[in-house]
């Protein structure tokens, strides 16, 4: 299952346990069990970002998917099926 992560200053669904950066999450129509597993994967991905960057730039500056994929995040299944605001983010 894919999750779209969009940085948010309000109404965030999750925060990075390392730096506190907050994200709104958009899911491909999951069951509760799938959603819980996806949140764990996002938490892990946010921690992993800190392994390869400094704390100020560890997370992508643009929306991203977990698991990662090569297409535009805003036209991912998670974005479209999850009801993400479909605007172009640079």
PDB file of N, CA and C in Angstrom:
ATOM      1  N   UNK A   1       0.836  -1.169   0.000  1.00  0.00           N
ATOM      2  CA  UNK A   1       0.000   0.000   0.000  1.00  0.00           C
ATOM      3  C   UNK A   1       0.888   1.242   0.000  1.00  0.00           C
ATOM      4  N   UNK A   2       0.431   2.239  -0.689  1.00  0.00           N
ATOM      5  CA  UNK A   2       1.186   3.469  -0.838  1.00  0.00           C
ATOM      6  C   UNK A   2       0.595   4.551   0.070  1.00  0.00           C
ATOM      7  N   UNK A   3       1.473   5.403   0.614  1.00  0.00           N
ATOM      8  CA  UNK A   3       1.062   6.535   1.439  1.00  0.00           C
ATOM      9  C   UNK A   3       1.735   7.787   0.886  1.00  0.00           C
ATOM     10  N   UNK A   4       0.963   8.843   0.682  1.00  0.00           N
ATOM     11  CA  UNK A   4       1.510  10.134   0.280  1.00  0.00           C
ATOM     12  C   UNK A   4       1.726  10.955   1.540  1.00  0.00           C
ATOM     13  N   UNK A   5       2.924  11.505   1.706  1.00  0.00           N
ATOM     14  CA  UNK A   5       3.278  12.318   2.859  1.00  0.00           C
ATOM     15  C   UNK A   5       3.461  13.763   2.401  1.00  0.00           C
ATOM     16  N   UNK A   6       2.685  14.668   3.005  1.00  0.00           N
ATOM     17  CA  UNK A   6       2.740  16.082   2.636  1.00  0.00           C
ATOM     18  C   UNK A   6       3.044  16.874   3.904  1.00  0.00           C
ATOM     19  N   UNK A   7       4.109  17.672   3.864  1.00  0.00           N
ATOM     20  CA  UNK A   7       4.478  18.482   5.029  1.00  0.00           C
ATOM     21  C   UNK A   7       3.301  19.357   5.441  1.00  0.00           C
ATOM     22  N   UNK A   8       3.127  19.495   6.759  1.00  0.00           N
ATOM     23  CA  UNK A   8       1.989  20.253   7.273  1.00  0.00           C
ATOM     24  C   UNK A   8       2.374  20.939   8.577  1.00  0.00           C
ATOM     25  N   UNK A   9       1.891  22.149   8.744  1.00  0.00           N
ATOM     26  CA  UNK A   9       2.090  22.863  10.007  1.00  0.00           C
ATOM     27  C   UNK A   9       0.886  22.738  10.926  1.00  0.00           C
ATOM     28  N   UNK A  10      -0.232  22.265  10.373  1.00  0.00           N
ATOM     29  CA  UNK A  10      -1.435  22.087  11.185  1.00  0.00           C
ATOM     30  C   UNK A  10      -2.161  20.818  10.751  1.00  0.00           C
ATOM     31  N   UNK A  11      -2.946  20.285  11.606  1.00  0.00           N
ATOM     32  CA  UNK A  11      -3.723  19.060  11.378  1.00  0.00           C
ATOM     33  C   UNK A  11      -2.881  17.913  10.815  1.00  0.00           C
ATOM     34  N   UNK A  12      -1.676  17.760  11.348  1.00  0.00           N
ATOM     35  CA  UNK A  12      -0.790  16.685  10.900  1.00  0.00           C
ATOM     36  C   UNK A  12      -1.272  15.344  11.442  1.00  0.00           C
ATOM     37  N   UNK A  13      -0.985  14.292  10.679  1.00  0.00           N
ATOM     38  CA  UNK A  13      -1.319  12.934  11.097  1.00  0.00           C
ATOM     39  C   UNK A  13      -0.154  12.255  11.808  1.00  0.00           C
ATOM     40  N   UNK A  14       1.059  12.740  11.541  1.00  0.00           N
ATOM     41  CA  UNK A  14       2.250  12.102  12.090  1.00  0.00           C
ATOM     42  C   UNK A  14       3.362  13.147  12.187  1.00  0.00           C
ATOM     43  N   UNK A  15       4.259  12.928  13.147  1.00  0.00           N
ATOM     44  CA  UNK A  15       5.445  13.784  13.280  1.00  0.00           C
ATOM     45  C   UNK A  15       6.679  12.902  13.354  1.00  0.00           C
ATOM     46  N   UNK A  16       7.740  13.372  12.771  1.00  0.00           N
ATOM     47  CA  UNK A  16       9.015  12.653  12.826  1.00  0.00           C
ATOM     48  C   UNK A  16       9.471  12.603  14.292  1.00  0.00           C
ATOM     49  N   UNK A  17       9.839  11.422  14.754  1.00  0.00           N
ATOM     50  CA  UNK A  17      10.263  11.277  16.144  1.00  0.00           C
ATOM     51  C   UNK A  17      11.662  11.840  16.386  1.00  0.00           C
ATOM     52  N   UNK A  18      12.387  12.141  15.316  1.00  0.00           N
ATOM     53  CA  UNK A  18      13.736  12.694  15.458  1.00  0.00           C
ATOM     54  C   UNK A  18      13.696  14.216  15.522  1.00  0.00           C
ATOM     55  N   UNK A  19      12.990  14.843  14.566  1.00  0.00           N
ATOM     56  CA  UNK A  19      13.032  16.304  14.480  1.00  0.00           C
ATOM     57  C   UNK A  19      11.681  16.992  14.696  1.00  0.00           C
ATOM     58  N   UNK A  20      10.602  16.228  14.705  1.00  0.00           N
ATOM     59  CA  UNK A  20       9.285  16.804  14.931  1.00  0.00           C
ATOM     60  C   UNK A  20       8.590  17.331  13.689  1.00  0.00           C
ATOM     61  N   UNK A  21       9.218  17.214  12.529  1.00  0.00           N
ATOM     62  CA  UNK A  21       8.593  17.683  11.288  1.00  0.00           C
ATOM     63  C   UNK A  21       7.269  16.936  11.102  1.00  0.00           C
ATOM     64  N   UNK A  22       6.203  17.665  10.760  1.00  0.00           N
ATOM     65  CA  UNK A  22       4.864  17.090  10.710  1.00  0.00           C
ATOM     66  C   UNK A  22       4.382  16.850   9.280  1.00  0.00           C
ATOM     67  N   UNK A  23       3.569  15.803   9.142  1.00  0.00           N
ATOM     68  CA  UNK A  23       3.044  15.421   7.834  1.00  0.00           C
ATOM     69  C   UNK A  23       1.578  15.043   7.903  1.00  0.00           C
ATOM     70  N   UNK A  24       0.858  15.412   6.869  1.00  0.00           N
ATOM     71  CA  UNK A  24      -0.491  14.925   6.611  1.00  0.00           C
ATOM     72  C   UNK A  24      -0.321  13.701   5.727  1.00  0.00           C
ATOM     73  N   UNK A  25      -1.055  12.627   6.019  1.00  0.00           N
ATOM     74  CA  UNK A  25      -0.921  11.381   5.276  1.00  0.00           C
ATOM     75  C   UNK A  25      -2.169  11.106   4.453  1.00  0.00           C
ATOM     76  N   UNK A  26      -1.950  10.631   3.229  1.00  0.00           N
ATOM     77  CA  UNK A  26      -3.042  10.255   2.330  1.00  0.00           C
ATOM     78  C   UNK A  26      -2.822   8.813   1.903  1.00  0.00           C
ATOM     79  N   UNK A  27      -3.839   7.988   2.095  1.00  0.00           N
ATOM     80  CA  UNK A  27      -3.747   6.547   1.876  1.00  0.00           C
ATOM     81  C   UNK A  27      -4.592   6.100   0.699  1.00  0.00           C
ATOM     82  N   UNK A  28      -4.157   5.011   0.062  1.00  0.00           N
ATOM     83  CA  UNK A  28      -5.014   4.279  -0.867  1.00  0.00           C
ATOM     84  C   UNK A  28      -5.994   3.501   0.009  1.00  0.00           C
ATOM     85  N   UNK A  29      -7.207   3.755  -0.028  1.00  0.00           N
ATOM     86  CA  UNK A  29      -8.294   3.108   0.727  1.00  0.00           C
ATOM     87  C   UNK A  29      -7.895   1.857   1.527  1.00  0.00           C
ATOM     88  N   UNK A  30      -7.308   2.021   2.701  1.00  0.00           N
ATOM     89  CA  UNK A  30      -6.839   0.865   3.465  1.00  0.00           C
ATOM     90  C   UNK A  30      -7.851   0.383   4.510  1.00  0.00           C
ATOM     91  N   UNK A  31      -7.664  -0.833   4.954  1.00  0.00           N
ATOM     92  CA  UNK A  31      -8.368  -1.311   6.135  1.00  0.00           C
ATOM     93  C   UNK A  31      -7.639  -0.713   7.346  1.00  0.00           C
ATOM     94  N   UNK A  32      -8.216  -0.838   8.526  1.00  0.00           N
ATOM     95  CA  UNK A  32      -7.550  -0.318   9.722  1.00  0.00           C
ATOM     96  C   UNK A  32      -6.197  -0.991   9.946  1.00  0.00           C
ATOM     97  N   UNK A  33      -6.132  -2.296   9.718  1.00  0.00           N
ATOM     98  CA  UNK A  33      -4.884  -3.039   9.889  1.00  0.00           C
ATOM     99  C   UNK A  33      -3.828  -2.540   8.898  1.00  0.00           C
ATOM    100  N   UNK A  34      -4.226  -2.358   7.635  1.00  0.00           N
ATOM    101  CA  UNK A  34      -3.296  -1.871   6.613  1.00  0.00           C
ATOM    102  C   UNK A  34      -2.828  -0.459   6.944  1.00  0.00           C
ATOM    103  N   UNK A  35      -3.741   0.369   7.431  1.00  0.00           N
ATOM    104  CA  UNK A  35      -3.402   1.748   7.775  1.00  0.00           C
ATOM    105  C   UNK A  35      -2.360   1.769   8.903  1.00  0.00           C
ATOM    106  N   UNK A  36      -2.557   0.941   9.930  1.00  0.00           N
ATOM    107  CA  UNK A  36      -1.607   0.886  11.050  1.00  0.00           C
ATOM    108  C   UNK A  36      -0.226   0.457  10.572  1.00  0.00           C
ATOM    109  N   UNK A  37      -0.180  -0.532   9.694  1.00  0.00           N
ATOM    110  CA  UNK A  37       1.101  -0.996   9.143  1.00  0.00           C
ATOM    111  C   UNK A  37       1.747   0.103   8.297  1.00  0.00           C
ATOM    112  N   UNK A  38       0.943   0.813   7.510  1.00  0.00           N
ATOM    113  CA  UNK A  38       1.472   1.890   6.677  1.00  0.00           C
ATOM    114  C   UNK A  38       2.048   3.020   7.533  1.00  0.00           C
ATOM    115  N   UNK A  39       1.387   3.344   8.635  1.00  0.00           N
ATOM    116  CA  UNK A  39       1.894   4.392   9.530  1.00  0.00           C
ATOM    117  C   UNK A  39       3.245   3.969  10.103  1.00  0.00           C
ATOM    118  N   UNK A  40       3.385   2.717  10.472  1.00  0.00           N
ATOM    119  CA  UNK A  40       4.684   2.220  10.968  1.00  0.00           C
ATOM    120  C   UNK A  40       5.766   2.366   9.896  1.00  0.00           C
ATOM    121  N   UNK A  41       5.411   2.080   8.638  1.00  0.00           N
ATOM    122  CA  UNK A  41       6.386   2.221   7.546  1.00  0.00           C
ATOM    123  C   UNK A  41       6.773   3.679   7.337  1.00  0.00           C
ATOM    124  N   UNK A  42       5.818   4.589   7.464  1.00  0.00           N
ATOM    125  CA  UNK A  42       6.114   6.021   7.330  1.00  0.00           C
ATOM    126  C   UNK A  42       7.028   6.458   8.469  1.00  0.00           C
ATOM    127  N   UNK A  43       6.729   6.036   9.698  1.00  0.00           N
ATOM    128  CA  UNK A  43       7.583   6.375  10.839  1.00  0.00           C
ATOM    129  C   UNK A  43       9.021   5.915  10.589  1.00  0.00           C
ATOM    130  N   UNK A  44       9.174   4.714  10.085  1.00  0.00           N
ATOM    131  CA  UNK A  44      10.498   4.171   9.785  1.00  0.00           C
ATOM    132  C   UNK A  44      11.184   4.973   8.683  1.00  0.00           C
ATOM    133  N   UNK A  45      10.434   5.314   7.638  1.00  0.00           N
ATOM    134  CA  UNK A  45      11.003   6.096   6.530  1.00  0.00           C
ATOM    135  C   UNK A  45      11.465   7.472   7.014  1.00  0.00           C
ATOM    136  N   UNK A  46      10.686   8.109   7.891  1.00  0.00           N
ATOM    137  CA  UNK A  46      11.078   9.424   8.410  1.00  0.00           C
ATOM    138  C   UNK A  46      12.370   9.320   9.216  1.00  0.00           C
ATOM    139  N   UNK A  47      12.510   8.287  10.015  1.00  0.00           N
ATOM    140  CA  UNK A  47      13.760   8.070  10.754  1.00  0.00           C
ATOM    141  C   UNK A  47      14.922   7.830   9.792  1.00  0.00           C
ATOM    142  N   UNK A  48      14.677   7.030   8.760  1.00  0.00           N
ATOM    143  CA  UNK A  48      15.726   6.719   7.783  1.00  0.00           C
ATOM    144  C   UNK A  48      16.223   7.963   7.057  1.00  0.00           C
ATOM    145  N   UNK A  49      15.357   8.944   6.851  1.00  0.00           N
ATOM    146  CA  UNK A  49      15.791  10.185   6.194  1.00  0.00           C
ATOM    147  C   UNK A  49      16.957  10.817   6.950  1.00  0.00           C
ATOM    148  N   UNK A  50      16.977  10.674   8.257  1.00  0.00           N
ATOM    149  CA  UNK A  50      18.026  11.293   9.068  1.00  0.00           C
ATOM    150  C   UNK A  50      19.363  10.562   8.975  1.00  0.00           C
ATOM    151  N   UNK A  51      19.354   9.348   8.452  1.00  0.00           N
ATOM    152  CA  UNK A  51      20.596   8.592   8.309  1.00  0.00           C
ATOM    153  C   UNK A  51      21.466   9.131   7.181  1.00  0.00           C
ATOM    154  N   UNK A  52      20.837   9.814   6.222  1.00  0.00           N
ATOM    155  CA  UNK A  52      21.592  10.258   5.052  1.00  0.00           C
ATOM    156  C   UNK A  52      21.630  11.773   4.880  1.00  0.00           C
ATOM    157  N   UNK A  53      21.138  12.535   5.850  1.00  0.00           N
ATOM    158  CA  UNK A  53      21.146  13.990   5.714  1.00  0.00           C
ATOM    159  C   UNK A  53      21.277  14.661   7.062  1.00  0.00           C
ATOM    160  N   UNK A  54      21.524  15.970   7.043  1.00  0.00           N
ATOM    161  CA  UNK A  54      21.565  16.675   8.316  1.00  0.00           C
ATOM    162  C   UNK A  54      20.127  16.952   8.760  1.00  0.00           C
ATOM    163  N   UNK A  55      19.958  17.325  10.001  1.00  0.00           N
ATOM    164  CA  UNK A  55      18.614  17.481  10.552  1.00  0.00           C
ATOM    165  C   UNK A  55      17.775  18.539   9.842  1.00  0.00           C
ATOM    166  N   UNK A  56      18.402  19.559   9.281  1.00  0.00           N
ATOM    167  CA  UNK A  56      17.636  20.623   8.631  1.00  0.00           C
ATOM    168  C   UNK A  56      17.110  20.210   7.265  1.00  0.00           C
ATOM    169  N   UNK A  57      17.794  19.288   6.603  1.00  0.00           N
ATOM    170  CA  UNK A  57      17.383  18.924   5.247  1.00  0.00           C
ATOM    171  C   UNK A  57      17.151  17.422   5.098  1.00  0.00           C
ATOM    172  N   UNK A  58      16.875  16.741   6.192  1.00  0.00           N
ATOM    173  CA  UNK A  58      16.744  15.283   6.144  1.00  0.00           C
ATOM    174  C   UNK A  58      15.545  14.835   5.321  1.00  0.00           C
ATOM    175  N   UNK A  59      14.435  15.530   5.437  1.00  0.00           N
ATOM    176  CA  UNK A  59      13.212  15.124   4.746  1.00  0.00           C
ATOM    177  C   UNK A  59      13.085  15.841   3.405  1.00  0.00           C
ATOM    178  N   UNK A  60      12.453  15.188   2.421  1.00  0.00           N
ATOM    179  CA  UNK A  60      12.243  15.844   1.129  1.00  0.00           C
ATOM    180  C   UNK A  60      11.466  17.157   1.292  1.00  0.00           C
ATOM    181  N   UNK A  61      11.780  18.126   0.463  1.00  0.00           N
ATOM    182  CA  UNK A  61      11.107  19.422   0.512  1.00  0.00           C
ATOM    183  C   UNK A  61       9.747  19.385  -0.189  1.00  0.00           C
ATOM    184  N   UNK A  62       9.447  18.295  -0.858  1.00  0.00           N
ATOM    185  CA  UNK A  62       8.217  18.168  -1.628  1.00  0.00           C
ATOM    186  C   UNK A  62       7.463  16.925  -1.159  1.00  0.00           C
ATOM    187  N   UNK A  63       6.189  16.788  -1.489  1.00  0.00           N
ATOM    188  CA  UNK A  63       5.457  15.568  -1.112  1.00  0.00           C
ATOM    189  C   UNK A  63       6.181  14.318  -1.618  1.00  0.00           C
ATOM    190  N   UNK A  64       6.099  13.258  -0.845  1.00  0.00           N
ATOM    191  CA  UNK A  64       6.755  12.010  -1.229  1.00  0.00           C
ATOM    192  C   UNK A  64       5.889  10.822  -0.831  1.00  0.00           C
ATOM    193  N   UNK A  65       6.155   9.699  -1.481  1.00  0.00           N
ATOM    194  CA  UNK A  65       5.400   8.478  -1.225  1.00  0.00           C
ATOM    195  C   UNK A  65       6.235   7.473  -0.441  1.00  0.00           C
ATOM    196  N   UNK A  66       5.559   6.717   0.391  1.00  0.00           N
ATOM    197  CA  UNK A  66       6.138   5.566   1.091  1.00  0.00           C
ATOM    198  C   UNK A  66       5.260   4.384   0.737  1.00  0.00           C
ATOM    199  N   UNK A  67       5.763   3.337   0.123  1.00  0.00           N
ATOM    200  CA  UNK A  67       7.128   3.245  -0.393  1.00  0.00           C
ATOM    201  C   UNK A  67       7.346   4.202  -1.564  1.00  0.00           C
ATOM    202  N   UNK A  68       8.622   4.521  -1.781  1.00  0.00           N
ATOM    203  CA  UNK A  68       8.983   5.466  -2.839  1.00  0.00           C
ATOM    204  C   UNK A  68       8.610   4.920  -4.207  1.00  0.00           C
ATOM    205  N   UNK A  69       8.361   5.827  -5.128  1.00  0.00           N
ATOM    206  CA  UNK A  69       8.145   5.442  -6.518  1.00  0.00           C
ATOM    207  C   UNK A  69       8.651   6.551  -7.413  1.00  0.00           C
ATOM    208  N   UNK A  70       8.774   6.294  -8.692  1.00  0.00           N
ATOM    209  CA  UNK A  70       9.441   7.230  -9.616  1.00  0.00           C
ATOM    210  C   UNK A  70       8.538   8.319 -10.176  1.00  0.00           C
ATOM    211  N   UNK A  71       7.251   8.124 -10.154  1.00  0.00           N
ATOM    212  CA  UNK A  71       6.338   9.121 -10.720  1.00  0.00           C
ATOM    213  C   UNK A  71       6.139  10.311  -9.798  1.00  0.00           C
ATOM    214  N   UNK A  72       5.372  11.272 -10.273  1.00  0.00           N
ATOM    215  CA  UNK A  72       5.036  12.440  -9.465  1.00  0.00           C
ATOM    216  C   UNK A  72       4.183  12.014  -8.282  1.00  0.00           C
ATOM    217  N   UNK A  73       4.550  12.449  -7.097  1.00  0.00           N
ATOM    218  CA  UNK A  73       3.828  12.086  -5.883  1.00  0.00           C
ATOM    219  C   UNK A  73       2.360  12.502  -5.944  1.00  0.00           C
ATOM    220  N   UNK A  74       2.088  13.625  -6.581  1.00  0.00           N
ATOM    221  CA  UNK A  74       0.728  14.153  -6.599  1.00  0.00           C
ATOM    222  C   UNK A  74      -0.199  13.415  -7.555  1.00  0.00           C
ATOM    223  N   UNK A  75       0.315  12.508  -8.366  1.00  0.00           N
ATOM    224  CA  UNK A  75      -0.560  11.690  -9.214  1.00  0.00           C
ATOM    225  C   UNK A  75      -0.435  10.215  -8.844  1.00  0.00           C
ATOM    226  N   UNK A  76       0.055   9.953  -7.640  1.00  0.00           N
ATOM    227  CA  UNK A  76       0.156   8.579  -7.153  1.00  0.00           C
ATOM    228  C   UNK A  76      -1.223   8.060  -6.785  1.00  0.00           C
ATOM    229  N   UNK A  77      -1.325   6.760  -6.637  1.00  0.00           N
ATOM    230  CA  UNK A  77      -2.574   6.162  -6.192  1.00  0.00           C
ATOM    231  C   UNK A  77      -2.994   6.692  -4.839  1.00  0.00           C
ATOM    232  N   UNK A  78      -2.035   6.885  -3.940  1.00  0.00           N
ATOM    233  CA  UNK A  78      -2.350   7.400  -2.609  1.00  0.00           C
ATOM    234  C   UNK A  78      -2.922   8.814  -2.690  1.00  0.00           C
ATOM    235  N   UNK A  79      -2.365   9.641  -3.559  1.00  0.00           N
ATOM    236  CA  UNK A  79      -2.859  11.013  -3.703  1.00  0.00           C
ATOM    237  C   UNK A  79      -4.264  11.031  -4.281  1.00  0.00           C
ATOM    238  N   UNK A  80      -4.463  10.270  -5.343  1.00  0.00           N
ATOM    239  CA  UNK A  80      -5.769  10.293  -6.018  1.00  0.00           C
ATOM    240  C   UNK A  80      -6.855   9.593  -5.214  1.00  0.00           C
ATOM    241  N   UNK A  81      -6.548   8.413  -4.677  1.00  0.00           N
ATOM    242  CA  UNK A  81      -7.556   7.679  -3.925  1.00  0.00           C
ATOM    243  C   UNK A  81      -7.695   8.193  -2.496  1.00  0.00           C
ATOM    244  N   UNK A  82      -6.658   8.841  -1.982  1.00  0.00           N
ATOM    245  CA  UNK A  82      -6.682   9.346  -0.614  1.00  0.00           C
ATOM    246  C   UNK A  82      -7.250  10.736  -0.466  1.00  0.00           C
ATOM    247  N   UNK A  83      -7.569  11.384  -1.577  1.00  0.00           N
ATOM    248  CA  UNK A  83      -8.171  12.717  -1.513  1.00  0.00           C
ATOM    249  C   UNK A  83      -7.196  13.846  -1.254  1.00  0.00           C
ATOM    250  N   UNK A  84      -5.943  13.667  -1.630  1.00  0.00           N
ATOM    251  CA  UNK A  84      -4.946  14.734  -1.449  1.00  0.00           C
ATOM    252  C   UNK A  84      -5.313  15.929  -2.313  1.00  0.00           C
ATOM    253  N   UNK A  85      -4.955  17.116  -1.870  1.00  0.00           N
ATOM    254  CA  UNK A  85      -5.183  18.302  -2.707  1.00  0.00           C
ATOM    255  C   UNK A  85      -4.326  18.181  -3.957  1.00  0.00           C
ATOM    256  N   UNK A  86      -4.952  18.057  -5.115  1.00  0.00           N
ATOM    257  CA  UNK A  86      -4.220  17.807  -6.354  1.00  0.00           C
ATOM    258  C   UNK A  86      -3.757  19.096  -6.995  1.00  0.00           C
ATOM    259  N   UNK A  87      -2.787  19.676  -6.360  1.00  0.00           N
ATOM    260  CA  UNK A  87      -2.163  20.880  -6.909  1.00  0.00           C
ATOM    261  C   UNK A  87      -0.704  20.570  -7.140  1.00  0.00           C
ATOM    262  N   UNK A  88      -0.117  21.253  -8.064  1.00  0.00           N
ATOM    263  CA  UNK A  88       1.296  21.013  -8.361  1.00  0.00           C
ATOM    264  C   UNK A  88       2.142  21.636  -7.257  1.00  0.00           C
ATOM    265  N   UNK A  89       3.021  20.850  -6.674  1.00  0.00           N
ATOM    266  CA  UNK A  89       3.914  21.302  -5.630  1.00  0.00           C
ATOM    267  C   UNK A  89       5.320  21.221  -6.171  1.00  0.00           C
ATOM    268  N   UNK A  90       6.070  22.304  -6.096  1.00  0.00           N
ATOM    269  CA  UNK A  90       7.440  22.296  -6.606  1.00  0.00           C
ATOM    270  C   UNK A  90       8.429  22.006  -5.515  1.00  0.00           C
TER     271      UNK A  90
END
